[in-house]
């Protein structure tokens, strides 16, 4: 359950979408919509990382 490859992919996805969120918010205009969508996806990656962390813990 605690697969390190999955954790790495979740971190890479989080960093990529966080960068898109930052760039989209900075540029503004229509890019702001892409930044907003990337921010929502970023929240999903954060939730997946938290779930992955707690699922791999032993009681």
C-alpha atoms as a PDB file:
ATOM      1  CA  UNK A   1       0.000   0.000   0.000  1.00  0.00           C
ATOM      2  CA  UNK A   2       2.882   2.351   0.724  1.00  0.00           C
ATOM      3  CA  UNK A   3       4.282   2.432  -2.810  1.00  0.00           C
ATOM      4  CA  UNK A   4       7.080   5.019  -3.126  1.00  0.00           C
ATOM      5  CA  UNK A   5       6.468   5.406  -6.884  1.00  0.00           C
ATOM      6  CA  UNK A   6       2.910   6.531  -6.253  1.00  0.00           C
ATOM      7  CA  UNK A   7       4.102   9.078  -3.695  1.00  0.00           C
ATOM      8  CA  UNK A   8       6.666  10.468  -6.167  1.00  0.00           C
ATOM      9  CA  UNK A   9       4.031  10.778  -8.897  1.00  0.00           C
ATOM     10  CA  UNK A  10       1.676  12.539  -6.499  1.00  0.00           C
ATOM     11  CA  UNK A  11       4.419  15.013  -5.525  1.00  0.00           C
ATOM     12  CA  UNK A  12       5.356  15.671  -9.162  1.00  0.00           C
ATOM     13  CA  UNK A  13       1.701  16.222 -10.090  1.00  0.00           C
ATOM     14  CA  UNK A  14       1.258  18.535  -7.122  1.00  0.00           C
ATOM     15  CA  UNK A  15       4.328  20.611  -8.043  1.00  0.00           C
ATOM     16  CA  UNK A  16       3.371  20.866 -11.717  1.00  0.00           C
ATOM     17  CA  UNK A  17      -0.178  21.993 -11.003  1.00  0.00           C
ATOM     18  CA  UNK A  18       0.999  24.357  -8.269  1.00  0.00           C
ATOM     19  CA  UNK A  19       3.297  25.996 -10.829  1.00  0.00           C
ATOM     20  CA  UNK A  20       0.440  26.274 -13.339  1.00  0.00           C
ATOM     21  CA  UNK A  21      -1.744  27.766 -10.611  1.00  0.00           C
ATOM     22  CA  UNK A  22       0.902  30.351  -9.731  1.00  0.00           C
ATOM     23  CA  UNK A  23       1.618  31.290 -13.347  1.00  0.00           C
ATOM     24  CA  UNK A  24      -2.073  31.467 -14.242  1.00  0.00           C
ATOM     25  CA  UNK A  25      -2.816  33.674 -11.261  1.00  0.00           C
ATOM     26  CA  UNK A  26       0.097  35.963 -12.073  1.00  0.00           C
ATOM     27  CA  UNK A  27      -0.689  36.407 -15.759  1.00  0.00           C
ATOM     28  CA  UNK A  28      -4.401  36.978 -15.253  1.00  0.00           C
ATOM     29  CA  UNK A  29      -6.990  37.208 -17.987  1.00  0.00           C
ATOM     30  CA  UNK A  30      -8.032  33.883 -19.483  1.00  0.00           C
ATOM     31  CA  UNK A  31      -4.978  32.210 -17.952  1.00  0.00           C
ATOM     32  CA  UNK A  32      -6.548  32.884 -14.576  1.00  0.00           C
ATOM     33  CA  UNK A  33      -9.222  30.287 -15.347  1.00  0.00           C
ATOM     34  CA  UNK A  34      -6.516  27.695 -16.028  1.00  0.00           C
ATOM     35  CA  UNK A  35      -4.855  28.713 -12.773  1.00  0.00           C
ATOM     36  CA  UNK A  36      -8.113  28.233 -10.899  1.00  0.00           C
ATOM     37  CA  UNK A  37      -8.634  24.771 -12.362  1.00  0.00           C
ATOM     38  CA  UNK A  38      -5.021  23.872 -11.566  1.00  0.00           C
ATOM     39  CA  UNK A  39      -5.557  25.063  -7.987  1.00  0.00           C
ATOM     40  CA  UNK A  40      -8.556  22.780  -7.590  1.00  0.00           C
ATOM     41  CA  UNK A  41      -6.565  19.853  -8.989  1.00  0.00           C
ATOM     42  CA  UNK A  42      -3.748  20.795  -6.594  1.00  0.00           C
ATOM     43  CA  UNK A  43      -6.124  20.399  -3.661  1.00  0.00           C
ATOM     44  CA  UNK A  44      -6.932  16.922  -4.957  1.00  0.00           C
ATOM     45  CA  UNK A  45      -3.231  16.037  -5.033  1.00  0.00           C
ATOM     46  CA  UNK A  46      -2.816  17.294  -1.465  1.00  0.00           C
ATOM     47  CA  UNK A  47      -5.758  15.159  -0.335  1.00  0.00           C
ATOM     48  CA  UNK A  48      -4.322  12.124  -2.141  1.00  0.00           C
ATOM     49  CA  UNK A  49      -0.936  12.666  -0.484  1.00  0.00           C
ATOM     50  CA  UNK A  50      -2.553  12.843   2.952  1.00  0.00           C
ATOM     51  CA  UNK A  51      -4.589   9.707   2.292  1.00  0.00           C
ATOM     52  CA  UNK A  52      -1.493   7.917   0.997  1.00  0.00           C
ATOM     53  CA  UNK A  53       0.435   8.919   4.094  1.00  0.00           C
ATOM     54  CA  UNK A  54      -2.153   7.690   6.573  1.00  0.00           C
ATOM     55  CA  UNK A  55      -2.932   4.516   4.610  1.00  0.00           C
ATOM     56  CA  UNK A  56       0.706   3.455   4.820  1.00  0.00           C
ATOM     57  CA  UNK A  57       1.000   3.869   8.587  1.00  0.00           C
ATOM     58  CA  UNK A  58       0.963   0.860  10.828  1.00  0.00           C
ATOM     59  CA  UNK A  59      -1.273   0.865  13.912  1.00  0.00           C
END
